[in-house]
Each structure stands twice: as C-alpha cells, then as structure tokens.
PDB file of N, CA and C in Angstrom:
ATOM      1  N   MET A   1       0.817  -1.192   0.004  1.00  0.00           N
ATOM      2  CA  MET A   1      -0.007  -0.007   0.009  1.00  0.00           C
ATOM      3  C   MET A   1       0.854   1.266  -0.003  1.00  0.00           C
ATOM      4  N   LYS A   2       2.075   1.136   0.577  1.00  0.00           N
ATOM      5  CA  LYS A   2       2.947   2.306   0.572  1.00  0.00           C
ATOM      6  C   LYS A   2       3.326   2.727  -0.831  1.00  0.00           C
ATOM      7  N   PHE A   3       3.392   1.754  -1.719  1.00  0.00           N
ATOM      8  CA  PHE A   3       3.761   2.031  -3.094  1.00  0.00           C
ATOM      9  C   PHE A   3       2.714   2.935  -3.761  1.00  0.00           C
ATOM     10  N   VAL A   4       1.431   2.674  -3.480  1.00  0.00           N
ATOM     11  CA  VAL A   4       0.355   3.470  -4.022  1.00  0.00           C
ATOM     12  C   VAL A   4       0.446   4.921  -3.476  1.00  0.00           C
ATOM     13  N   TRP A   5       0.690   5.054  -2.180  1.00  0.00           N
ATOM     14  CA  TRP A   5       0.799   6.383  -1.616  1.00  0.00           C
ATOM     15  C   TRP A   5       2.002   7.149  -2.191  1.00  0.00           C
ATOM     16  N   LEU A   6       3.075   6.400  -2.430  1.00  0.00           N
ATOM     17  CA  LEU A   6       4.269   7.028  -3.012  1.00  0.00           C
ATOM     18  C   LEU A   6       4.001   7.520  -4.429  1.00  0.00           C
ATOM     19  N   LEU A   7       3.320   6.709  -5.216  1.00  0.00           N
ATOM     20  CA  LEU A   7       2.979   7.129  -6.588  1.00  0.00           C
ATOM     21  C   LEU A   7       2.001   8.308  -6.568  1.00  0.00           C
ATOM     22  N   LEU A   8       1.060   8.289  -5.668  1.00  0.00           N
ATOM     23  CA  LEU A   8       0.120   9.429  -5.549  1.00  0.00           C
ATOM     24  C   LEU A   8       0.859  10.692  -5.116  1.00  0.00           C
ATOM     25  N   ALA A   9       1.813  10.576  -4.208  1.00  0.00           N
ATOM     26  CA  ALA A   9       2.579  11.696  -3.743  1.00  0.00           C
ATOM     27  C   ALA A   9       3.392  12.294  -4.895  1.00  0.00           C
ATOM     28  N   LEU A  10       4.005  11.434  -5.707  1.00  0.00           N
ATOM     29  CA  LEU A  10       4.780  11.901  -6.856  1.00  0.00           C
ATOM     30  C   LEU A  10       3.896  12.574  -7.877  1.00  0.00           C
ATOM     31  N   LEU A  11       2.718  12.024  -8.143  1.00  0.00           N
ATOM     32  CA  LEU A  11       1.773  12.605  -9.099  1.00  0.00           C
ATOM     33  C   LEU A  11       1.314  13.984  -8.595  1.00  0.00           C
ATOM     34  N   LEU A  12       0.913  14.081  -7.365  1.00  0.00           N
ATOM     35  CA  LEU A  12       0.413  15.369  -6.820  1.00  0.00           C
ATOM     36  C   LEU A  12       1.516  16.393  -6.794  1.00  0.00           C
ATOM     37  N   THR A  13       2.748  16.005  -6.504  1.00  0.00           N
ATOM     38  CA  THR A  13       3.852  16.935  -6.510  1.00  0.00           C
ATOM     39  C   THR A  13       4.085  17.475  -7.912  1.00  0.00           C
ATOM     40  N   ALA A  14       4.096  16.569  -8.901  1.00  0.00           N
ATOM     41  CA  ALA A  14       4.308  17.035 -10.280  1.00  0.00           C
ATOM     42  C   ALA A  14       3.178  17.932 -10.732  1.00  0.00           C
ATOM     43  N   LEU A  15       1.940  17.642 -10.359  1.00  0.00           N
ATOM     44  CA  LEU A  15       0.822  18.493 -10.746  1.00  0.00           C
ATOM     45  C   LEU A  15       0.901  19.876 -10.085  1.00  0.00           C
ATOM     46  N   ALA A  16       1.315  19.892  -8.798  1.00  0.00           N
ATOM     47  CA  ALA A  16       1.440  21.165  -8.072  1.00  0.00           C
ATOM     48  C   ALA A  16       2.525  22.011  -8.713  1.00  0.00           C
ATOM     49  N   LEU A  17       3.653  21.385  -9.082  1.00  0.00           N
ATOM     50  CA  LEU A  17       4.713  22.172  -9.744  1.00  0.00           C
ATOM     51  C   LEU A  17       4.298  22.661 -11.094  1.00  0.00           C
ATOM     52  N   GLY A  18       3.538  21.837 -11.829  1.00  0.00           N
ATOM     53  CA  GLY A  18       3.025  22.249 -13.123  1.00  0.00           C
ATOM     54  C   GLY A  18       2.069  23.443 -12.991  1.00  0.00           C
ATOM     55  N   GLY A  19       1.227  23.407 -11.935  1.00  0.00           N
ATOM     56  CA  GLY A  19       0.342  24.512 -11.688  1.00  0.00           C
ATOM     57  C   GLY A  19       1.077  25.811 -11.361  1.00  0.00           C
ATOM     58  N   LEU A  20       2.176  25.680 -10.622  1.00  0.00           N
ATOM     59  CA  LEU A  20       2.985  26.876 -10.305  1.00  0.00           C
ATOM     60  C   LEU A  20       3.634  27.422 -11.584  1.00  0.00           C
ATOM     61  N   MET A  21       4.083  26.533 -12.427  1.00  0.00           N
ATOM     62  CA  MET A  21       4.693  27.018 -13.710  1.00  0.00           C
ATOM     63  C   MET A  21       3.633  27.663 -14.568  1.00  0.00           C
ATOM     64  N   SER A  22       2.445  27.111 -14.570  1.00  0.00           N
ATOM     65  CA  SER A  22       1.346  27.694 -15.332  1.00  0.00           C
ATOM     66  C   SER A  22       0.953  29.065 -14.801  1.00  0.00           C
ATOM     67  N   ALA A  23       0.998  29.223 -13.474  1.00  0.00           N
ATOM     68  CA  ALA A  23       0.686  30.520 -12.872  1.00  0.00           C
ATOM     69  C   ALA A  23       1.744  31.534 -13.246  1.00  0.00           C
ATOM     70  N   GLY A  24       2.979  31.096 -13.387  1.00  0.00           N
ATOM     71  CA  GLY A  24       4.071  32.014 -13.767  1.00  0.00           C
ATOM     72  C   GLY A  24       3.882  32.514 -15.214  1.00  0.00           C
ATOM     73  N   ARG A  25       3.236  31.738 -16.036  1.00  0.00           N
ATOM     74  CA  ARG A  25       2.999  32.152 -17.422  1.00  0.00           C
ATOM     75  C   ARG A  25       1.663  32.813 -17.580  1.00  0.00           C
ATOM     76  N   GLY A  26       0.878  32.925 -16.546  1.00  0.00           N
ATOM     77  CA  GLY A  26      -0.477  33.438 -16.638  1.00  0.00           C
ATOM     78  C   GLY A  26      -0.516  34.868 -17.165  1.00  0.00           C
ATOM     79  N   MET A  27      -1.592  35.132 -17.891  1.00  0.00           N
ATOM     80  CA  MET A  27      -1.748  36.461 -18.503  1.00  0.00           C
ATOM     81  C   MET A  27      -2.695  37.360 -17.682  1.00  0.00           C
ATOM     82  N   ASP A  28      -3.741  36.776 -17.166  1.00  0.00           N
ATOM     83  CA  ASP A  28      -4.717  37.603 -16.437  1.00  0.00           C
ATOM     84  C   ASP A  28      -4.788  37.142 -14.980  1.00  0.00           C
ATOM     85  N   ALA A  29      -5.223  38.038 -14.128  1.00  0.00           N
ATOM     86  CA  ALA A  29      -5.206  37.802 -12.693  1.00  0.00           C
ATOM     87  C   ALA A  29      -6.087  36.647 -12.251  1.00  0.00           C
ATOM     88  N   PRO A  30      -7.319  36.491 -12.770  1.00  0.00           N
ATOM     89  CA  PRO A  30      -8.140  35.352 -12.319  1.00  0.00           C
ATOM     90  C   PRO A  30      -7.512  34.007 -12.645  1.00  0.00           C
ATOM     91  N   SER A  31      -6.866  33.895 -13.794  1.00  0.00           N
ATOM     92  CA  SER A  31      -6.212  32.654 -14.168  1.00  0.00           C
ATOM     93  C   SER A  31      -5.044  32.342 -13.242  1.00  0.00           C
ATOM     94  N   VAL A  32      -4.246  33.351 -12.937  1.00  0.00           N
ATOM     95  CA  VAL A  32      -3.104  33.177 -12.039  1.00  0.00           C
ATOM     96  C   VAL A  32      -3.572  32.790 -10.654  1.00  0.00           C
ATOM     97  N   ILE A  33      -4.606  33.464 -10.161  1.00  0.00           N
ATOM     98  CA  ILE A  33      -5.102  33.141  -8.807  1.00  0.00           C
ATOM     99  C   ILE A  33      -5.685  31.751  -8.767  1.00  0.00           C
ATOM    100  N   GLY A  34      -6.402  31.337  -9.799  1.00  0.00           N
ATOM    101  CA  GLY A  34      -6.949  30.011  -9.866  1.00  0.00           C
ATOM    102  C   GLY A  34      -5.854  28.976  -9.894  1.00  0.00           C
ATOM    103  N   ASP A  35      -4.825  29.206 -10.704  1.00  0.00           N
ATOM    104  CA  ASP A  35      -3.708  28.247 -10.738  1.00  0.00           C
ATOM    105  C   ASP A  35      -2.997  28.142  -9.398  1.00  0.00           C
ATOM    106  N   LEU A  36      -2.822  29.253  -8.698  1.00  0.00           N
ATOM    107  CA  LEU A  36      -2.187  29.223  -7.392  1.00  0.00           C
ATOM    108  C   LEU A  36      -3.036  28.498  -6.359  1.00  0.00           C
ATOM    109  N   VAL A  37      -4.340  28.684  -6.401  1.00  0.00           N
ATOM    110  CA  VAL A  37      -5.196  28.004  -5.439  1.00  0.00           C
ATOM    111  C   VAL A  37      -5.190  26.511  -5.661  1.00  0.00           C
ATOM    112  N   VAL A  38      -5.285  26.098  -6.929  1.00  0.00           N
ATOM    113  CA  VAL A  38      -5.266  24.665  -7.259  1.00  0.00           C
ATOM    114  C   VAL A  38      -3.890  24.061  -6.898  1.00  0.00           C
ATOM    115  N   SER A  39      -2.835  24.806  -7.163  1.00  0.00           N
ATOM    116  CA  SER A  39      -1.496  24.326  -6.823  1.00  0.00           C
ATOM    117  C   SER A  39      -1.359  24.174  -5.338  1.00  0.00           C
ATOM    118  N   ALA A  40      -1.892  25.091  -4.566  1.00  0.00           N
ATOM    119  CA  ALA A  40      -1.823  24.987  -3.114  1.00  0.00           C
ATOM    120  C   ALA A  40      -2.568  23.741  -2.607  1.00  0.00           C
ATOM    121  N   LEU A  41      -3.726  23.477  -3.172  1.00  0.00           N
ATOM    122  CA  LEU A  41      -4.473  22.264  -2.768  1.00  0.00           C
ATOM    123  C   LEU A  41      -3.753  21.008  -3.155  1.00  0.00           C
ATOM    124  N   LEU A  42      -3.181  20.984  -4.360  1.00  0.00           N
ATOM    125  CA  LEU A  42      -2.409  19.798  -4.782  1.00  0.00           C
ATOM    126  C   LEU A  42      -1.184  19.625  -3.933  1.00  0.00           C
ATOM    127  N   GLY A  43      -0.519  20.714  -3.602  1.00  0.00           N
ATOM    128  CA  GLY A  43       0.636  20.664  -2.727  1.00  0.00           C
ATOM    129  C   GLY A  43       0.335  20.171  -1.349  1.00  0.00           C
ATOM    130  N   TRP A  44      -0.817  20.589  -0.829  1.00  0.00           N
ATOM    131  CA  TRP A  44      -1.280  20.097   0.493  1.00  0.00           C
ATOM    132  C   TRP A  44      -1.523  18.599   0.440  1.00  0.00           C
ATOM    133  N   GLY A  45      -2.141  18.133  -0.624  1.00  0.00           N
ATOM    134  CA  GLY A  45      -2.373  16.698  -0.769  1.00  0.00           C
ATOM    135  C   GLY A  45      -1.073  15.933  -0.937  1.00  0.00           C
ATOM    136  N   ALA A  46      -0.106  16.541  -1.656  1.00  0.00           N
ATOM    137  CA  ALA A  46       1.158  15.873  -1.840  1.00  0.00           C
ATOM    138  C   ALA A  46       1.903  15.771  -0.503  1.00  0.00           C
ATOM    139  N   ILE A  47       1.888  16.806   0.304  1.00  0.00           N
ATOM    140  CA  ILE A  47       2.537  16.755   1.610  1.00  0.00           C
ATOM    141  C   ILE A  47       1.898  15.682   2.495  1.00  0.00           C
ATOM    142  N   ALA A  48       0.575  15.597   2.464  1.00  0.00           N
ATOM    143  CA  ALA A  48      -0.131  14.560   3.230  1.00  0.00           C
ATOM    144  C   ALA A  48       0.300  13.168   2.782  1.00  0.00           C
ATOM    145  N   CYS A  49       0.421  12.974   1.479  1.00  0.00           N
ATOM    146  CA  CYS A  49       0.822  11.655   0.955  1.00  0.00           C
ATOM    147  C   CYS A  49       2.273  11.332   1.339  1.00  0.00           C
ATOM    148  N   TRP A  50       3.165  12.361   1.283  1.00  0.00           N
ATOM    149  CA  TRP A  50       4.553  12.121   1.643  1.00  0.00           C
ATOM    150  C   TRP A  50       4.667  11.746   3.119  1.00  0.00           C
ATOM    151  N   LYS A  51       3.826  12.389   3.954  1.00  0.00           N
ATOM    152  CA  LYS A  51       3.838  12.041   5.375  1.00  0.00           C
ATOM    153  C   LYS A  51       3.314  10.628   5.549  1.00  0.00           C
ATOM    154  N   ARG A  52       2.358  10.250   4.780  1.00  0.00           N
ATOM    155  CA  ARG A  52       1.793   8.887   4.876  1.00  0.00           C
ATOM    156  C   ARG A  52       2.821   7.851   4.503  1.00  0.00           C
ATOM    157  N   THR A  53       3.633   8.113   3.499  1.00  0.00           N
ATOM    158  CA  THR A  53       4.649   7.169   3.098  1.00  0.00           C
ATOM    159  C   THR A  53       5.814   7.102   4.069  1.00  0.00           C
ATOM    160  N   ALA A  54       6.082   8.217   4.758  1.00  0.00           N
ATOM    161  CA  ALA A  54       7.202   8.265   5.724  1.00  0.00           C
ATOM    162  C   ALA A  54       6.858   7.564   7.045  1.00  0.00           C
ATOM    163  N   ARG A  55       5.573   7.501   7.353  1.00  0.00           N
ATOM    164  CA  ARG A  55       5.108   6.877   8.574  1.00  0.00           C
ATOM    165  C   ARG A  55       5.261   5.385   8.496  1.00  0.00           C
ATOM    166  N   SER A  56       5.762   4.739   9.529  1.00  0.00           N
ATOM    167  CA  SER A  56       5.911   3.290   9.496  1.00  0.00           C
ATOM    168  C   SER A  56       4.582   2.660   9.864  1.00  0.00           C
ATOM    169  N   SER A  57       4.389   1.505   9.345  1.00  0.00           N
ATOM    170  CA  SER A  57       3.104   0.802   9.610  1.00  0.00           C
ATOM    171  C   SER A  57       3.090   0.234  11.014  1.00  0.00           C
ATOM    172  N   PRO A  58       1.934   0.155  11.648  1.00  0.00           N
ATOM    173  CA  PRO A  58       1.862  -0.419  13.001  1.00  0.00           C
ATOM    174  C   PRO A  58       2.310  -1.856  13.054  1.00  0.00           C
ATOM    175  N   ARG A  59       2.065  -2.601  12.015  1.00  0.00           N
ATOM    176  CA  ARG A  59       2.492  -4.029  12.002  1.00  0.00           C
ATOM    177  C   ARG A  59       4.001  -4.161  12.037  1.00  0.00           C
ATOM    178  N   ALA A  60       4.700  -3.268  11.354  1.00  0.00           N
ATOM    179  CA  ALA A  60       6.172  -3.322  11.394  1.00  0.00           C
ATOM    180  C   ALA A  60       6.679  -2.962  12.748  1.00  0.00           C
ATOM    181  N   ASP A  61       6.039  -2.000  13.431  1.00  0.00           N
ATOM    182  CA  ASP A  61       6.452  -1.612  14.754  1.00  0.00           C
ATOM    183  C   ASP A  61       6.258  -2.767  15.737  1.00  0.00           C
ATOM    184  N   GLU A  62       5.151  -3.509  15.617  1.00  0.00           N
ATOM    185  CA  GLU A  62       4.892  -4.634  16.504  1.00  0.00           C
ATOM    186  C   GLU A  62       5.929  -5.738  16.251  1.00  0.00           C
ATOM    187  N   ALA A  63       6.292  -5.955  15.043  1.00  0.00           N
ATOM    188  CA  ALA A  63       7.264  -6.998  14.737  1.00  0.00           C
ATOM    189  C   ALA A  63       8.683  -6.630  15.282  1.00  0.00           C
ATOM    190  N   ASN A  64       9.011  -5.358  15.319  1.00  0.00           N
ATOM    191  CA  ASN A  64      10.298  -4.944  15.807  1.00  0.00           C
ATOM    192  C   ASN A  64      10.380  -5.048  17.345  1.00  0.00           C
ATOM    193  N   HIS A  65       9.261  -4.979  18.005  1.00  0.00           N
ATOM    194  CA  HIS A  65       9.255  -5.002  19.479  1.00  0.00           C
ATOM    195  C   HIS A  65       9.288  -6.431  20.033  1.00  0.00           C
ATOM    196  N   ARG A  66       9.060  -7.411  19.176  1.00  0.00           N
ATOM    197  CA  ARG A  66       9.002  -8.802  19.637  1.00  0.00           C
ATOM    198  C   ARG A  66      10.362  -9.418  19.675  1.00  0.00           C
TER     199      ARG A  66
END
C-alpha cells in the first residue's frame, strides 16, 4: 500500500509544480489566482501523501518489538 501512496505523492507533487509554472506564465489575474489556489491544494495533498509514506506501519512496529 505504501507504493500506491508514493505514486500518488509523486503525481500530486508534479501536478502542483506544473500549476505553479502555469501561474508564472499566466496572463490575467483570475487565471493566475486559480492556478495558485489549485496548486496549493495539490501541494497540500502531496505533503499529506509524503507524510503517509514516511510513517511506519503499525504491523512493522509490533514485529520490531518482539
């Protein structure tokens, strides 16, 4: 399951960076603001996924204590 979270984290990170690059090329203010808002939400999701992959599973912790 960690593999799925890792792939999702990579995807969300790439999408957030793409949104930031799109905001940098933006021509009008509403487009730039929209790109920044969506990038912030994608970045927040990416951070949550990275934290999920970094966290060890409870089963592994139990096996280490035995």
